Amino acid sequence: MANTVSGKSKIIYGTSGSDTLRAGEMYTSKGGVTGDTTYVVGAYGYSGYQLEGKEGNDSLFGGDGLDKLYGGSGNDSFSPGLSNDFMDGGEGLDVVDYSSISHGSVSITFTYSGKGRDPIGHQVNTHSALGNDAIIDVERLQFSDKKVALDFSANALETLQFIGVIAPALQGNLNVRGTVLSLFDQGKSMQEMSQLALDLGLITSDNTALAKTVFKNVFNTTADPDQNLTNALVEFIEQNGDAKFLATVAGLNINVDLVGLQQSGMEFI
C-alpha cells in the first residue's frame, strides 16, 4: 500500500521505496505499489515544507518557501526551489540538481568542522539566483555546463589519484575525470581500476618500465629514479603485483592538489 499524504501537512514522508516528493503545488497522488508512488504536495500555493525521503532512490523538489529536504538512505536527487532550502542527502550517492543555472553563476563555500576537511557530513553553501541553500551529506552538484564532486575522501579523491598515476597530463580533463569517476561510483576499487588500466594498455606492464613510468608521472619529471630506488620499486611489484603497486602509489597523494580539491570540489563532465 502507498502512503496516504495530506496536501496540507507540513511534514511529508515517503515510502520505503523510490518516491518523488514536491513542495508548493496543489496536492495530487498517483496510485501504485510502494516505491512507485509519486507525491506532489503543497497547500494551495503555501510552501515551507519538510520532505522526508526515507529508503529508496528518492526525488525531492523544493517549492518557493524555506523547505527542508531529507533524502534518507538511497541515491537521492534534490531540486531546490526559489528560496533558501536545506538539503540533507543522508546515505547513498546523492545529487543536487542546479541544471537551470551555470556553475559560474553560483558561489560555493564550505564549512568544515571536526573530522578533517571533508564536506560530506559538514555543510556546503550555495549562493545563486535560486537562493542561498545549505547542503550536507550530498556527493554531487549538477549545473547546466558541468558537475562538481564533493566526496573529497572517497570517489572524487580516488579519481584524481588514479589519473595522477596513470596519465597525469589528463588530470585536469573534465571528460576524463567524469569517465573515471563513474567507474568508482559503480563500486570499483583502486586496485580494480589499476588492473583495468593495465589490461587496456593505458600503462606498461613491464616491471622495470612500470616502476620508472610511475616515478616520472607522480613526480612530474623526465628523469628516471636512481638504481637503488628502481630496484626497490621492482621488488615491490614482483612481490605484490603491478595493480597493487599502482594502487599503493595512488594512495600516497603525491601529485594531487588536496587544497584545491577541498576549496572548490572536483569539476567534471
Protein backbone atom coordinates (compact mmCIF):
# COMPACT_ATOMS: atom_id res chain seq x y z
CA MET A 1 0.00 0.00 0.00
CA ALA A 2 1.20 3.50 -0.79
CA ASN A 3 1.39 6.08 1.96
CA THR A 4 -1.54 8.46 2.37
CA VAL A 5 -0.28 12.06 2.27
CA SER A 6 -2.26 15.13 3.29
CA GLY A 7 -1.85 18.10 0.97
CA LYS A 8 -1.91 20.42 3.96
CA SER A 9 0.66 18.55 6.01
CA LYS A 10 3.90 20.41 6.77
CA ILE A 11 5.93 17.20 7.02
CA ILE A 12 5.65 14.79 4.10
CA TYR A 13 7.04 11.25 4.42
CA GLY A 14 7.94 8.97 1.53
CA THR A 15 7.66 5.21 1.50
CA SER A 16 10.35 2.56 1.80
CA GLY A 17 10.74 2.62 -2.00
CA SER A 18 11.74 5.29 -4.51
CA ASP A 19 9.42 8.28 -4.22
CA THR A 20 9.01 11.73 -5.74
CA LEU A 21 8.15 14.49 -3.24
CA ARG A 22 7.29 18.04 -4.26
CA ALA A 23 6.58 21.14 -2.20
CA GLY A 24 4.49 24.16 -3.13
CA GLU A 25 1.89 22.76 -5.56
CA MET A 26 -1.70 21.58 -5.32
CA TYR A 27 -1.81 18.12 -3.82
CA THR A 28 -2.35 15.08 -6.01
CA SER A 29 -1.30 11.49 -5.68
CA LYS A 30 -0.87 8.70 -8.20
CA GLY A 31 -1.66 5.17 -7.12
CA GLY A 32 0.77 2.33 -7.31
CA VAL A 33 2.76 -0.06 -5.22
CA THR A 34 5.09 1.19 -2.52
CA GLY A 35 8.09 2.87 -4.11
CA ASP A 36 6.30 3.65 -7.39
CA THR A 37 4.06 6.35 -5.95
CA THR A 38 4.51 9.98 -6.98
CA TYR A 39 3.59 12.57 -4.37
CA VAL A 40 3.01 16.16 -5.46
CA VAL A 41 2.44 18.02 -2.23
CA GLY A 42 1.55 21.52 -1.14
CA ALA A 43 -1.23 23.54 0.40
CA TYR A 44 -2.76 25.72 -2.27
CA GLY A 45 0.42 27.60 -3.09
CA TYR A 46 1.59 27.72 0.53
CA SER A 47 5.14 26.46 0.94
CA GLY A 48 7.79 25.85 3.55
CA TYR A 49 7.77 22.05 3.77
CA GLN A 50 9.85 19.29 5.29
CA LEU A 51 10.15 16.36 2.88
CA GLU A 52 11.40 13.01 4.21
CA GLY A 53 12.55 10.60 1.50
CA LYS A 54 13.47 7.66 3.76
CA GLU A 55 14.64 4.48 1.94
CA GLY A 56 14.88 4.15 -1.82
CA ASN A 57 16.20 6.44 -4.54
CA ASP A 58 14.01 9.48 -3.99
CA SER A 59 13.49 12.72 -5.91
CA LEU A 60 12.72 15.74 -3.75
CA PHE A 61 11.59 19.09 -5.16
CA GLY A 62 11.60 22.30 -3.14
CA GLY A 63 8.92 24.94 -3.60
CA ASP A 64 9.04 28.72 -3.23
CA GLY A 65 9.32 28.59 0.54
CA LEU A 66 12.03 27.71 3.03
CA ASP A 67 11.97 23.95 2.57
CA LYS A 68 13.88 21.20 4.33
CA LEU A 69 14.57 18.15 2.16
CA TYR A 70 15.89 14.91 3.65
CA GLY A 71 16.90 12.14 1.26
CA GLY A 72 17.32 9.17 3.58
CA SER A 73 19.38 6.10 2.77
CA GLY A 74 19.11 5.84 -1.03
CA ASN A 75 20.77 7.57 -4.01
CA ASP A 76 18.63 10.69 -3.91
CA SER A 77 18.10 13.69 -6.18
CA PHE A 78 17.29 17.19 -4.91
CA SER A 79 15.87 20.10 -6.89
CA PRO A 80 15.80 23.24 -4.74
CA GLY A 81 13.09 25.86 -5.22
CA LEU A 82 13.24 29.64 -5.47
CA SER A 83 14.20 30.25 -1.87
CA ASN A 84 16.70 29.25 0.79
CA ASP A 85 16.45 25.47 1.13
CA PHE A 86 18.18 22.97 3.38
CA MET A 87 19.11 19.60 1.86
CA ASP A 88 20.47 16.55 3.68
CA GLY A 89 21.37 13.66 1.41
CA GLY A 90 21.90 11.07 4.12
CA GLU A 91 23.44 7.81 2.99
CA GLY A 92 23.99 6.91 -0.66
CA LEU A 93 25.25 8.82 -3.69
CA ASP A 94 23.17 11.99 -3.72
CA VAL A 95 22.98 14.90 -6.16
CA VAL A 96 21.56 18.43 -6.04
CA ASP A 97 20.21 19.49 -9.44
CA TYR A 98 21.12 23.07 -10.36
CA SER A 99 20.86 22.33 -14.09
CA SER A 100 18.86 25.52 -14.71
CA ILE A 101 21.92 27.66 -13.90
CA SER A 102 25.61 27.53 -14.84
CA HIS A 103 28.44 26.68 -12.50
CA GLY A 104 29.91 30.16 -12.93
CA SER A 105 26.73 31.82 -11.67
CA VAL A 106 26.93 30.11 -8.29
CA SER A 107 29.12 30.90 -5.30
CA ILE A 108 30.04 27.77 -3.34
CA THR A 109 31.54 27.84 0.15
CA PHE A 110 32.42 25.02 2.52
CA THR A 111 32.08 24.96 6.30
CA TYR A 112 34.38 22.42 7.90
CA SER A 113 34.37 21.11 11.44
CA GLY A 114 35.53 18.13 13.39
CA LYS A 115 36.60 15.22 11.22
CA GLY A 116 39.07 16.78 8.79
CA ARG A 117 38.41 18.84 5.68
CA ASP A 118 35.71 16.81 4.03
CA PRO A 119 32.32 18.48 3.47
CA ILE A 120 30.45 15.19 3.46
CA GLY A 121 28.87 15.38 6.88
CA HIS A 122 29.63 19.09 7.09
CA GLN A 123 27.97 21.97 5.29
CA VAL A 124 28.18 23.23 1.71
CA ASN A 125 26.56 26.60 0.98
CA THR A 126 25.48 27.69 -2.50
CA HIS A 127 24.51 31.26 -3.32
CA SER A 128 22.67 31.86 -6.61
CA ALA A 129 19.53 33.23 -8.21
CA LEU A 130 17.73 30.20 -6.76
CA GLY A 131 18.51 31.31 -3.22
CA ASN A 132 21.07 30.58 -0.54
CA ASP A 133 20.99 26.85 0.08
CA ALA A 134 22.64 24.78 2.81
CA ILE A 135 23.65 21.23 1.90
CA ILE A 136 25.10 18.33 3.89
CA ASP A 137 25.86 14.70 3.01
CA VAL A 138 25.50 15.30 -0.75
CA GLU A 139 28.17 13.98 -3.11
CA ARG A 140 27.35 15.76 -6.40
CA LEU A 141 26.20 19.16 -7.63
CA GLN A 142 24.91 19.30 -11.21
CA PHE A 143 24.89 22.55 -13.21
CA SER A 144 23.93 23.32 -16.80
CA ASP A 145 27.54 23.22 -18.01
CA LYS A 146 29.38 20.90 -15.63
CA LYS A 147 29.16 18.93 -12.39
CA VAL A 148 31.04 19.11 -9.09
CA ALA A 149 32.02 16.14 -6.92
CA LEU A 150 32.18 16.78 -3.18
CA ASP A 151 33.30 13.41 -1.78
CA PHE A 152 36.89 14.50 -1.18
CA SER A 153 37.84 11.49 0.92
CA ALA A 154 36.20 8.94 -1.39
CA ASN A 155 35.48 8.71 -5.13
CA ALA A 156 36.43 12.27 -6.13
CA LEU A 157 39.80 11.91 -4.43
CA GLU A 158 40.39 8.45 -5.88
CA THR A 159 39.61 9.77 -9.36
CA LEU A 160 42.40 12.33 -9.16
CA GLN A 161 44.74 9.81 -7.52
CA PHE A 162 44.19 7.30 -10.31
CA ILE A 163 44.63 9.77 -13.16
CA GLY A 164 47.70 11.23 -11.45
CA VAL A 165 49.44 7.86 -11.53
CA ILE A 166 48.27 6.61 -14.94
CA ALA A 167 48.15 9.83 -17.04
CA PRO A 168 48.86 12.99 -15.02
CA ALA A 169 48.64 15.21 -18.11
CA LEU A 170 44.90 14.39 -18.17
CA GLN A 171 44.24 15.21 -14.52
CA GLY A 172 42.55 18.47 -15.50
CA ASN A 173 40.47 16.99 -18.33
CA LEU A 174 36.83 17.20 -17.22
CA ASN A 175 35.67 14.40 -19.55
CA VAL A 176 38.36 12.01 -18.35
CA ARG A 177 37.51 12.87 -14.76
CA GLY A 178 33.87 12.09 -15.43
CA THR A 179 34.63 8.74 -17.05
CA VAL A 180 36.92 7.61 -14.23
CA LEU A 181 34.58 8.91 -11.52
CA SER A 182 31.66 6.97 -13.00
CA LEU A 183 33.62 3.74 -12.58
CA PHE A 184 34.43 4.49 -8.95
CA ASP A 185 30.77 5.39 -8.42
CA GLN A 186 29.87 1.94 -9.74
CA GLY A 187 31.89 0.45 -6.89
CA LYS A 188 35.26 -0.35 -8.45
CA SER A 189 38.24 -0.30 -6.08
CA MET A 190 41.54 1.43 -6.81
CA GLN A 191 43.20 -1.94 -7.39
CA GLU A 192 40.45 -2.98 -9.82
CA MET A 193 40.86 0.31 -11.68
CA SER A 194 44.61 -0.20 -11.78
CA GLN A 195 44.18 -3.68 -13.23
CA LEU A 196 41.78 -2.26 -15.82
CA ALA A 197 44.38 0.31 -16.86
CA LEU A 198 46.95 -2.47 -17.28
CA ASP A 199 44.53 -4.68 -19.23
CA LEU A 200 43.68 -1.81 -21.58
CA GLY A 201 47.34 -0.98 -22.13
CA LEU A 202 46.98 2.50 -20.63
CA ILE A 203 50.29 1.95 -18.84
CA THR A 204 53.13 -0.52 -19.34
CA SER A 205 53.07 -3.85 -17.52
CA ASP A 206 56.84 -4.43 -17.71
CA ASN A 207 58.05 -4.27 -14.12
CA THR A 208 61.10 -2.05 -14.61
CA ALA A 209 59.39 0.22 -17.14
CA LEU A 210 56.35 0.45 -14.87
CA ALA A 211 58.45 1.49 -11.88
CA LYS A 212 60.17 4.21 -13.90
CA THR A 213 57.00 5.43 -15.59
CA VAL A 214 55.08 5.78 -12.33
CA PHE A 215 58.00 7.60 -10.70
CA LYS A 216 58.07 10.10 -13.56
CA ASN A 217 54.31 10.51 -13.52
CA VAL A 218 53.87 11.26 -9.84
CA PHE A 219 56.93 13.48 -9.51
CA ASN A 220 56.41 15.25 -12.86
CA THR A 221 59.94 14.61 -14.02
CA THR A 222 61.67 13.24 -17.10
CA ALA A 223 64.47 11.69 -15.02
CA ASP A 224 64.49 8.03 -14.05
CA PRO A 225 64.71 7.08 -10.36
CA ASP A 226 68.18 6.06 -9.24
CA GLN A 227 69.09 2.41 -9.45
CA ASN A 228 68.52 1.65 -5.77
CA LEU A 229 65.01 3.11 -5.84
CA THR A 230 64.27 1.38 -9.14
CA ASN A 231 65.34 -1.95 -7.65
CA ALA A 232 63.16 -1.37 -4.57
CA LEU A 233 60.12 -0.50 -6.67
CA VAL A 234 60.61 -3.51 -8.95
CA GLU A 235 60.95 -5.76 -5.90
CA PHE A 236 57.62 -4.43 -4.56
CA ILE A 237 55.96 -5.11 -7.92
CA GLU A 238 57.36 -8.66 -8.06
CA GLN A 239 56.13 -9.41 -4.55
CA ASN A 240 52.73 -7.71 -4.71
CA GLY A 241 51.76 -7.40 -8.38
CA ASP A 242 51.62 -4.42 -10.71
CA ALA A 243 48.00 -3.49 -9.92
CA LYS A 244 48.74 -3.41 -6.18
CA PHE A 245 51.79 -1.25 -6.89
CA LEU A 246 49.73 1.29 -8.85
CA ALA A 247 47.01 1.37 -6.19
CA THR A 248 49.56 1.83 -3.40
CA VAL A 249 51.31 4.72 -5.11
CA ALA A 250 47.98 6.35 -5.96
CA GLY A 251 47.05 6.34 -2.28
CA LEU A 252 50.11 8.41 -1.39
CA ASN A 253 48.54 11.60 -2.87
CA ILE A 254 51.93 12.70 -4.21
CA ASN A 255 50.58 14.73 -7.13
CA VAL A 256 47.01 15.51 -6.03
CA ASP A 257 46.06 19.11 -5.27
CA LEU A 258 44.28 18.38 -1.99
CA VAL A 259 43.96 22.06 -1.07
CA GLY A 260 42.32 22.95 -4.37
CA LEU A 261 40.04 19.92 -4.13
CA GLN A 262 38.90 20.90 -0.65
CA GLN A 263 38.31 24.52 -1.60
CA SER A 264 36.24 24.07 -4.75
CA GLY A 265 35.37 20.39 -5.25
CA MET A 266 36.25 18.36 -8.35
CA GLU A 267 34.67 19.67 -11.52
CA PHE A 268 33.82 17.11 -14.19
CA ILE A 269 31.60 16.42 -17.17
